[in-house]
Amino acid sequence: MKYVKINPPVYLLIAVIFVVALHFFLPGLTLIPWAWNLLGIIPAVAGLAINLSADQTFHRAETPVSPFDMPSALVTYGPYRFTRNPMYLGFVLILAGVVVLLGSLTPFLVVLAFWLLLDRFFISLEEQKMALKFVARWDMYKSRTRRWL
């Protein structure tokens, strides 16, 4: 059976749509009042910057960005010095920033679901590939660099 491979940025877009829909159709409590909600710009911009830096680092290393492809290099420099998954961290920060900008309670559930999707599906898949391809180098990198932060 063939399935469609959907890359993480598409899931981010879907999550943003869910967040906005929940905010307008089932907002719950307003957690962050207007003006303070503008602080959501900070994690959103930070997430975008982290993501762009990580993507650029992958391109410099000439390794595929898609989690469905086999990596050709173990990237341990740039933002990968601080986290094994800066692109996914960036996506979560972007989504969290959007949620803070909206300020209501229910969209926060989407951030948790999105984080779990990335952690359990994409990261697990990628880590299996890295362990198979880079063995000891992967184990050493994994032991000194956290999965998220």
N, C-alpha and C. Protein backbone atom coordinates (compact mmCIF):
# COMPACT_ATOMS: atom_id res chain seq x y z
N MET A 1 0.84 -1.18 0.00
CA MET A 1 0.00 0.00 0.00
C MET A 1 0.89 1.24 0.00
N LYS A 2 0.65 2.13 -0.91
CA LYS A 2 1.42 3.37 -1.02
C LYS A 2 0.70 4.48 -0.25
N TYR A 3 1.46 5.24 0.48
CA TYR A 3 0.87 6.35 1.21
C TYR A 3 1.53 7.65 0.78
N VAL A 4 0.84 8.73 1.03
CA VAL A 4 1.35 10.05 0.67
C VAL A 4 2.26 10.53 1.80
N LYS A 5 3.46 10.94 1.44
CA LYS A 5 4.40 11.47 2.41
C LYS A 5 4.19 12.97 2.52
N ILE A 6 3.76 13.39 3.69
CA ILE A 6 3.50 14.81 3.92
C ILE A 6 4.62 15.35 4.81
N ASN A 7 5.33 16.33 4.32
CA ASN A 7 6.45 16.91 5.06
C ASN A 7 5.96 17.81 6.20
N PRO A 8 6.78 17.96 7.24
CA PRO A 8 6.39 18.73 8.43
C PRO A 8 5.88 20.15 8.18
N PRO A 9 6.41 20.92 7.22
CA PRO A 9 5.84 22.27 7.04
C PRO A 9 4.35 22.25 6.68
N VAL A 10 3.91 21.20 6.02
CA VAL A 10 2.48 21.08 5.69
C VAL A 10 1.69 20.87 6.98
N TYR A 11 2.23 20.04 7.88
CA TYR A 11 1.57 19.85 9.17
C TYR A 11 1.54 21.15 9.97
N LEU A 12 2.60 21.95 9.87
CA LEU A 12 2.60 23.25 10.54
C LEU A 12 1.49 24.12 9.99
N LEU A 13 1.34 24.17 8.69
CA LEU A 13 0.26 24.96 8.09
C LEU A 13 -1.11 24.47 8.56
N ILE A 14 -1.30 23.17 8.59
CA ILE A 14 -2.57 22.60 9.07
C ILE A 14 -2.80 22.98 10.53
N ALA A 15 -1.73 22.91 11.34
CA ALA A 15 -1.85 23.27 12.75
C ALA A 15 -2.22 24.74 12.92
N VAL A 16 -1.63 25.62 12.12
CA VAL A 16 -1.96 27.05 12.18
C VAL A 16 -3.44 27.25 11.83
N ILE A 17 -3.92 26.54 10.82
CA ILE A 17 -5.34 26.64 10.44
C ILE A 17 -6.23 26.18 11.59
N PHE A 18 -5.87 25.06 12.25
CA PHE A 18 -6.64 24.58 13.40
C PHE A 18 -6.62 25.59 14.54
N VAL A 19 -5.45 26.17 14.81
CA VAL A 19 -5.32 27.16 15.88
C VAL A 19 -6.25 28.34 15.62
N VAL A 20 -6.24 28.87 14.43
CA VAL A 20 -7.08 30.02 14.09
C VAL A 20 -8.55 29.63 14.17
N ALA A 21 -8.89 28.44 13.66
CA ALA A 21 -10.28 27.97 13.72
C ALA A 21 -10.75 27.83 15.17
N LEU A 22 -9.94 27.21 16.00
CA LEU A 22 -10.31 27.08 17.42
C LEU A 22 -10.46 28.43 18.08
N HIS A 23 -9.58 29.35 17.77
CA HIS A 23 -9.66 30.68 18.36
C HIS A 23 -10.99 31.37 18.01
N PHE A 24 -11.42 31.22 16.78
CA PHE A 24 -12.65 31.91 16.37
C PHE A 24 -13.92 31.14 16.68
N PHE A 25 -13.87 29.81 16.68
CA PHE A 25 -15.10 29.04 16.85
C PHE A 25 -15.25 28.41 18.23
N LEU A 26 -14.16 28.25 18.97
CA LEU A 26 -14.21 27.66 20.30
C LEU A 26 -13.04 28.20 21.13
N PRO A 27 -13.05 29.50 21.40
CA PRO A 27 -11.86 30.13 21.99
C PRO A 27 -11.57 29.77 23.45
N GLY A 28 -12.58 29.44 24.22
CA GLY A 28 -12.35 29.24 25.64
C GLY A 28 -12.02 30.57 26.30
N LEU A 29 -11.29 30.51 27.38
CA LEU A 29 -10.92 31.73 28.10
C LEU A 29 -9.89 32.54 27.32
N THR A 30 -9.91 33.83 27.54
CA THR A 30 -8.84 34.66 27.01
C THR A 30 -7.72 34.65 28.05
N LEU A 31 -6.63 34.02 27.71
CA LEU A 31 -5.51 33.90 28.65
C LEU A 31 -4.58 35.09 28.60
N ILE A 32 -4.41 35.62 27.41
CA ILE A 32 -3.44 36.70 27.23
C ILE A 32 -4.18 37.92 26.67
N PRO A 33 -4.30 38.98 27.46
CA PRO A 33 -5.03 40.16 27.00
C PRO A 33 -4.32 40.88 25.86
N TRP A 34 -5.10 41.67 25.13
CA TRP A 34 -4.55 42.44 24.02
C TRP A 34 -3.38 43.27 24.51
N ALA A 35 -2.49 43.52 23.68
CA ALA A 35 -1.20 44.20 23.87
C ALA A 35 -0.16 43.19 24.36
N TRP A 36 -0.48 42.44 25.42
CA TRP A 36 0.45 41.40 25.87
C TRP A 36 0.56 40.27 24.84
N ASN A 37 -0.51 40.06 24.10
CA ASN A 37 -0.49 38.98 23.10
C ASN A 37 0.52 39.26 21.98
N LEU A 38 0.89 40.52 21.82
CA LEU A 38 1.88 40.86 20.80
C LEU A 38 3.25 40.26 21.10
N LEU A 39 3.44 39.82 22.34
CA LEU A 39 4.68 39.13 22.69
C LEU A 39 4.83 37.82 21.91
N GLY A 40 3.74 37.34 21.33
CA GLY A 40 3.79 36.14 20.50
C GLY A 40 4.67 36.31 19.28
N ILE A 41 4.94 37.55 18.91
CA ILE A 41 5.83 37.81 17.78
C ILE A 41 7.24 37.27 18.08
N ILE A 42 7.63 37.33 19.33
CA ILE A 42 8.99 36.92 19.71
C ILE A 42 9.24 35.43 19.42
N PRO A 43 8.42 34.51 19.95
CA PRO A 43 8.68 33.10 19.62
C PRO A 43 8.46 32.78 18.14
N ALA A 44 7.51 33.46 17.51
CA ALA A 44 7.26 33.20 16.09
C ALA A 44 8.48 33.59 15.24
N VAL A 45 9.04 34.75 15.49
CA VAL A 45 10.21 35.21 14.73
C VAL A 45 11.44 34.36 15.09
N ALA A 46 11.59 34.04 16.37
CA ALA A 46 12.71 33.19 16.79
C ALA A 46 12.61 31.82 16.13
N GLY A 47 11.40 31.27 16.09
CA GLY A 47 11.20 29.98 15.44
C GLY A 47 11.52 30.02 13.97
N LEU A 48 11.12 31.07 13.31
CA LEU A 48 11.42 31.23 11.89
C LEU A 48 12.93 31.34 11.66
N ALA A 49 13.61 32.12 12.49
CA ALA A 49 15.06 32.29 12.36
C ALA A 49 15.80 30.98 12.60
N ILE A 50 15.40 30.24 13.63
CA ILE A 50 16.02 28.95 13.93
C ILE A 50 15.81 28.00 12.76
N ASN A 51 14.59 27.97 12.25
CA ASN A 51 14.26 27.06 11.16
C ASN A 51 15.06 27.39 9.90
N LEU A 52 15.14 28.65 9.55
CA LEU A 52 15.89 29.04 8.36
C LEU A 52 17.37 28.73 8.51
N SER A 53 17.92 28.95 9.69
CA SER A 53 19.32 28.64 9.95
C SER A 53 19.58 27.14 9.84
N ALA A 54 18.70 26.34 10.40
CA ALA A 54 18.85 24.89 10.35
C ALA A 54 18.74 24.38 8.91
N ASP A 55 17.79 24.92 8.17
CA ASP A 55 17.62 24.53 6.76
C ASP A 55 18.87 24.88 5.96
N GLN A 56 19.38 26.06 6.18
CA GLN A 56 20.58 26.50 5.47
C GLN A 56 21.78 25.61 5.83
N THR A 57 21.87 25.20 7.08
CA THR A 57 22.94 24.32 7.52
C THR A 57 22.86 22.97 6.81
N PHE A 58 21.66 22.44 6.66
CA PHE A 58 21.47 21.18 5.93
C PHE A 58 21.90 21.33 4.47
N HIS A 59 21.55 22.45 3.87
CA HIS A 59 21.93 22.67 2.48
C HIS A 59 23.45 22.77 2.33
N ARG A 60 24.10 23.44 3.27
CA ARG A 60 25.57 23.52 3.24
C ARG A 60 26.20 22.14 3.37
N ALA A 61 25.59 21.29 4.19
CA ALA A 61 26.12 19.93 4.40
C ALA A 61 25.72 18.99 3.26
N GLU A 62 24.89 19.49 2.35
CA GLU A 62 24.41 18.72 1.20
C GLU A 62 23.73 17.42 1.63
N THR A 63 22.85 17.56 2.62
CA THR A 63 22.05 16.44 3.08
C THR A 63 20.58 16.79 2.92
N PRO A 64 19.73 15.83 2.62
CA PRO A 64 18.31 16.14 2.38
C PRO A 64 17.61 16.70 3.61
N VAL A 65 16.71 17.62 3.37
CA VAL A 65 15.92 18.22 4.44
C VAL A 65 14.71 17.35 4.77
N SER A 66 14.17 16.66 3.79
CA SER A 66 12.97 15.84 3.97
C SER A 66 13.25 14.70 4.95
N PRO A 67 12.37 14.51 5.93
CA PRO A 67 12.57 13.41 6.88
C PRO A 67 12.37 12.03 6.25
N PHE A 68 11.85 11.99 5.06
CA PHE A 68 11.60 10.71 4.40
C PHE A 68 12.81 10.21 3.60
N ASP A 69 13.80 11.08 3.41
CA ASP A 69 15.00 10.70 2.68
C ASP A 69 16.08 10.25 3.65
N MET A 70 16.99 9.42 3.15
CA MET A 70 18.12 8.97 3.96
C MET A 70 19.13 10.12 4.05
N PRO A 71 19.57 10.45 5.26
CA PRO A 71 20.55 11.54 5.41
C PRO A 71 21.89 11.13 4.80
N SER A 72 22.59 12.10 4.26
CA SER A 72 23.91 11.83 3.69
C SER A 72 25.02 12.37 4.59
N ALA A 73 24.65 13.12 5.63
CA ALA A 73 25.64 13.68 6.55
C ALA A 73 25.02 13.80 7.94
N LEU A 74 25.85 13.63 8.94
CA LEU A 74 25.43 13.88 10.32
C LEU A 74 25.82 15.33 10.63
N VAL A 75 24.84 16.19 10.73
CA VAL A 75 25.08 17.62 10.94
C VAL A 75 25.08 17.89 12.44
N THR A 76 26.22 18.38 12.93
CA THR A 76 26.36 18.63 14.38
C THR A 76 26.81 20.06 14.68
N TYR A 77 26.80 20.91 13.69
CA TYR A 77 27.25 22.30 13.87
C TYR A 77 26.08 23.24 13.61
N GLY A 78 26.33 24.53 13.75
CA GLY A 78 25.25 25.51 13.60
C GLY A 78 24.24 25.30 14.72
N PRO A 79 22.96 25.42 14.42
CA PRO A 79 21.96 25.25 15.47
C PRO A 79 21.89 23.81 16.01
N TYR A 80 22.50 22.87 15.27
CA TYR A 80 22.50 21.47 15.70
C TYR A 80 23.47 21.23 16.86
N ARG A 81 24.24 22.24 17.25
CA ARG A 81 25.08 22.14 18.45
C ARG A 81 24.23 22.18 19.71
N PHE A 82 23.07 22.83 19.63
CA PHE A 82 22.23 23.08 20.81
C PHE A 82 21.04 22.14 20.92
N THR A 83 20.56 21.66 19.79
CA THR A 83 19.41 20.77 19.76
C THR A 83 19.53 19.86 18.54
N ARG A 84 19.11 18.62 18.69
CA ARG A 84 19.17 17.70 17.55
C ARG A 84 18.08 18.01 16.53
N ASN A 85 17.12 18.82 16.90
CA ASN A 85 15.97 19.06 16.03
C ASN A 85 15.59 20.53 15.95
N PRO A 86 16.49 21.39 15.49
CA PRO A 86 16.17 22.82 15.46
C PRO A 86 15.02 23.16 14.51
N MET A 87 14.86 22.43 13.42
CA MET A 87 13.74 22.74 12.52
C MET A 87 12.41 22.50 13.22
N TYR A 88 12.32 21.39 13.92
CA TYR A 88 11.07 21.08 14.62
C TYR A 88 10.85 22.03 15.79
N LEU A 89 11.92 22.37 16.49
CA LEU A 89 11.83 23.37 17.55
C LEU A 89 11.33 24.69 16.97
N GLY A 90 11.86 25.08 15.82
CA GLY A 90 11.40 26.29 15.15
C GLY A 90 9.92 26.24 14.81
N PHE A 91 9.47 25.11 14.30
CA PHE A 91 8.04 24.96 13.97
C PHE A 91 7.17 25.13 15.21
N VAL A 92 7.58 24.49 16.31
CA VAL A 92 6.78 24.59 17.55
C VAL A 92 6.78 26.03 18.06
N LEU A 93 7.91 26.72 17.97
CA LEU A 93 7.96 28.12 18.40
C LEU A 93 7.08 29.01 17.52
N ILE A 94 7.08 28.77 16.22
CA ILE A 94 6.21 29.53 15.32
C ILE A 94 4.75 29.33 15.72
N LEU A 95 4.36 28.07 15.90
CA LEU A 95 2.98 27.77 16.27
C LEU A 95 2.62 28.37 17.63
N ALA A 96 3.52 28.24 18.59
CA ALA A 96 3.28 28.82 19.92
C ALA A 96 3.14 30.34 19.83
N GLY A 97 3.95 30.96 18.99
CA GLY A 97 3.84 32.40 18.80
C GLY A 97 2.49 32.81 18.25
N VAL A 98 1.99 32.04 17.29
CA VAL A 98 0.66 32.32 16.73
C VAL A 98 -0.40 32.19 17.81
N VAL A 99 -0.27 31.16 18.64
CA VAL A 99 -1.25 30.93 19.72
C VAL A 99 -1.22 32.09 20.71
N VAL A 100 -0.03 32.55 21.08
CA VAL A 100 0.07 33.69 22.00
C VAL A 100 -0.52 34.94 21.36
N LEU A 101 -0.27 35.15 20.09
CA LEU A 101 -0.86 36.30 19.39
C LEU A 101 -2.38 36.27 19.45
N LEU A 102 -2.95 35.09 19.36
CA LEU A 102 -4.41 34.97 19.42
C LEU A 102 -4.92 35.14 20.85
N GLY A 103 -4.18 34.62 21.82
CA GLY A 103 -4.48 34.87 23.22
C GLY A 103 -5.54 34.01 23.89
N SER A 104 -6.18 33.09 23.17
CA SER A 104 -7.23 32.28 23.81
C SER A 104 -6.71 30.90 24.21
N LEU A 105 -7.46 30.22 25.05
CA LEU A 105 -7.03 28.99 25.70
C LEU A 105 -6.97 27.77 24.77
N THR A 106 -8.04 27.46 24.06
CA THR A 106 -8.11 26.19 23.33
C THR A 106 -7.02 25.99 22.27
N PRO A 107 -6.54 27.01 21.58
CA PRO A 107 -5.48 26.76 20.60
C PRO A 107 -4.19 26.17 21.19
N PHE A 108 -3.97 26.33 22.50
CA PHE A 108 -2.78 25.77 23.12
C PHE A 108 -2.76 24.24 23.00
N LEU A 109 -3.94 23.62 22.91
CA LEU A 109 -4.01 22.17 22.75
C LEU A 109 -3.39 21.72 21.43
N VAL A 110 -3.51 22.55 20.41
CA VAL A 110 -2.94 22.21 19.11
C VAL A 110 -1.41 22.20 19.18
N VAL A 111 -0.84 23.10 19.96
CA VAL A 111 0.62 23.13 20.11
C VAL A 111 1.09 21.81 20.72
N LEU A 112 0.41 21.35 21.74
CA LEU A 112 0.77 20.08 22.38
C LEU A 112 0.63 18.92 21.38
N ALA A 113 -0.47 18.86 20.66
CA ALA A 113 -0.68 17.79 19.69
C ALA A 113 0.37 17.83 18.58
N PHE A 114 0.70 19.03 18.13
CA PHE A 114 1.71 19.19 17.08
C PHE A 114 3.08 18.74 17.57
N TRP A 115 3.44 19.13 18.79
CA TRP A 115 4.70 18.72 19.37
C TRP A 115 4.78 17.20 19.47
N LEU A 116 3.69 16.57 19.93
CA LEU A 116 3.66 15.11 20.04
C LEU A 116 3.80 14.44 18.67
N LEU A 117 3.13 14.99 17.66
CA LEU A 117 3.25 14.45 16.30
C LEU A 117 4.71 14.49 15.84
N LEU A 118 5.35 15.62 16.01
CA LEU A 118 6.75 15.75 15.59
C LEU A 118 7.65 14.81 16.38
N ASP A 119 7.46 14.77 17.69
CA ASP A 119 8.33 13.98 18.55
C ASP A 119 8.16 12.48 18.31
N ARG A 120 6.95 12.02 18.23
CA ARG A 120 6.69 10.58 18.13
C ARG A 120 6.78 10.03 16.72
N PHE A 121 6.44 10.82 15.72
CA PHE A 121 6.45 10.30 14.36
C PHE A 121 7.72 10.69 13.61
N PHE A 122 7.92 11.96 13.41
CA PHE A 122 9.04 12.40 12.58
C PHE A 122 10.40 12.19 13.25
N ILE A 123 10.55 12.64 14.47
CA ILE A 123 11.85 12.54 15.12
C ILE A 123 12.23 11.08 15.34
N SER A 124 11.29 10.26 15.75
CA SER A 124 11.59 8.84 15.94
C SER A 124 12.06 8.19 14.64
N LEU A 125 11.40 8.49 13.55
CA LEU A 125 11.77 7.96 12.24
C LEU A 125 13.19 8.42 11.87
N GLU A 126 13.45 9.69 12.04
CA GLU A 126 14.76 10.23 11.68
C GLU A 126 15.86 9.66 12.57
N GLU A 127 15.59 9.51 13.85
CA GLU A 127 16.61 8.99 14.75
C GLU A 127 16.96 7.54 14.43
N GLN A 128 15.98 6.77 14.00
CA GLN A 128 16.26 5.39 13.58
C GLN A 128 17.21 5.38 12.38
N LYS A 129 16.95 6.25 11.43
CA LYS A 129 17.82 6.34 10.25
C LYS A 129 19.23 6.77 10.63
N MET A 130 19.33 7.76 11.51
CA MET A 130 20.63 8.26 11.92
C MET A 130 21.42 7.16 12.65
N ALA A 131 20.75 6.42 13.51
CA ALA A 131 21.40 5.34 14.26
C ALA A 131 21.92 4.26 13.31
N LEU A 132 21.16 3.94 12.28
CA LEU A 132 21.58 2.92 11.31
C LEU A 132 22.74 3.39 10.44
N LYS A 133 22.71 4.65 10.06
CA LYS A 133 23.71 5.14 9.11
C LYS A 133 25.01 5.59 9.78
N PHE A 134 24.90 6.24 10.94
CA PHE A 134 26.08 6.86 11.54
C PHE A 134 26.54 6.20 12.84
N VAL A 135 25.88 5.18 13.27
CA VAL A 135 26.18 4.33 14.42
C VAL A 135 26.88 5.05 15.58
N ALA A 136 28.17 4.89 15.73
CA ALA A 136 28.90 5.43 16.89
C ALA A 136 28.89 6.95 16.92
N ARG A 137 29.04 7.59 15.76
CA ARG A 137 29.00 9.06 15.71
C ARG A 137 27.65 9.56 16.17
N TRP A 138 26.57 8.86 15.77
CA TRP A 138 25.22 9.23 16.20
C TRP A 138 25.08 9.08 17.71
N ASP A 139 25.55 7.97 18.24
CA ASP A 139 25.44 7.72 19.69
C ASP A 139 26.17 8.81 20.48
N MET A 140 27.35 9.19 20.00
CA MET A 140 28.11 10.24 20.68
C MET A 140 27.36 11.59 20.61
N TYR A 141 26.87 11.94 19.43
CA TYR A 141 26.12 13.19 19.26
C TYR A 141 24.86 13.18 20.12
N LYS A 142 24.15 12.06 20.08
CA LYS A 142 22.90 11.92 20.84
C LYS A 142 23.16 12.05 22.35
N SER A 143 24.30 11.56 22.80
CA SER A 143 24.59 11.60 24.24
C SER A 143 24.93 13.01 24.73
N ARG A 144 25.39 13.88 23.83
CA ARG A 144 25.79 15.23 24.27
C ARG A 144 24.84 16.34 23.82
N THR A 145 23.87 16.01 22.96
CA THR A 145 22.95 17.04 22.45
C THR A 145 21.52 16.59 22.69
N ARG A 146 20.74 17.45 23.30
CA ARG A 146 19.36 17.10 23.63
C ARG A 146 18.48 17.05 22.40
N ARG A 147 17.40 16.29 22.53
CA ARG A 147 16.45 16.16 21.42
C ARG A 147 15.77 17.48 21.13
N TRP A 148 15.34 18.19 22.15
CA TRP A 148 14.65 19.48 21.96
C TRP A 148 15.51 20.63 22.44
N LEU A 149 15.68 20.77 23.71
CA LEU A 149 16.51 21.85 24.29
C LEU A 149 17.33 21.33 25.45
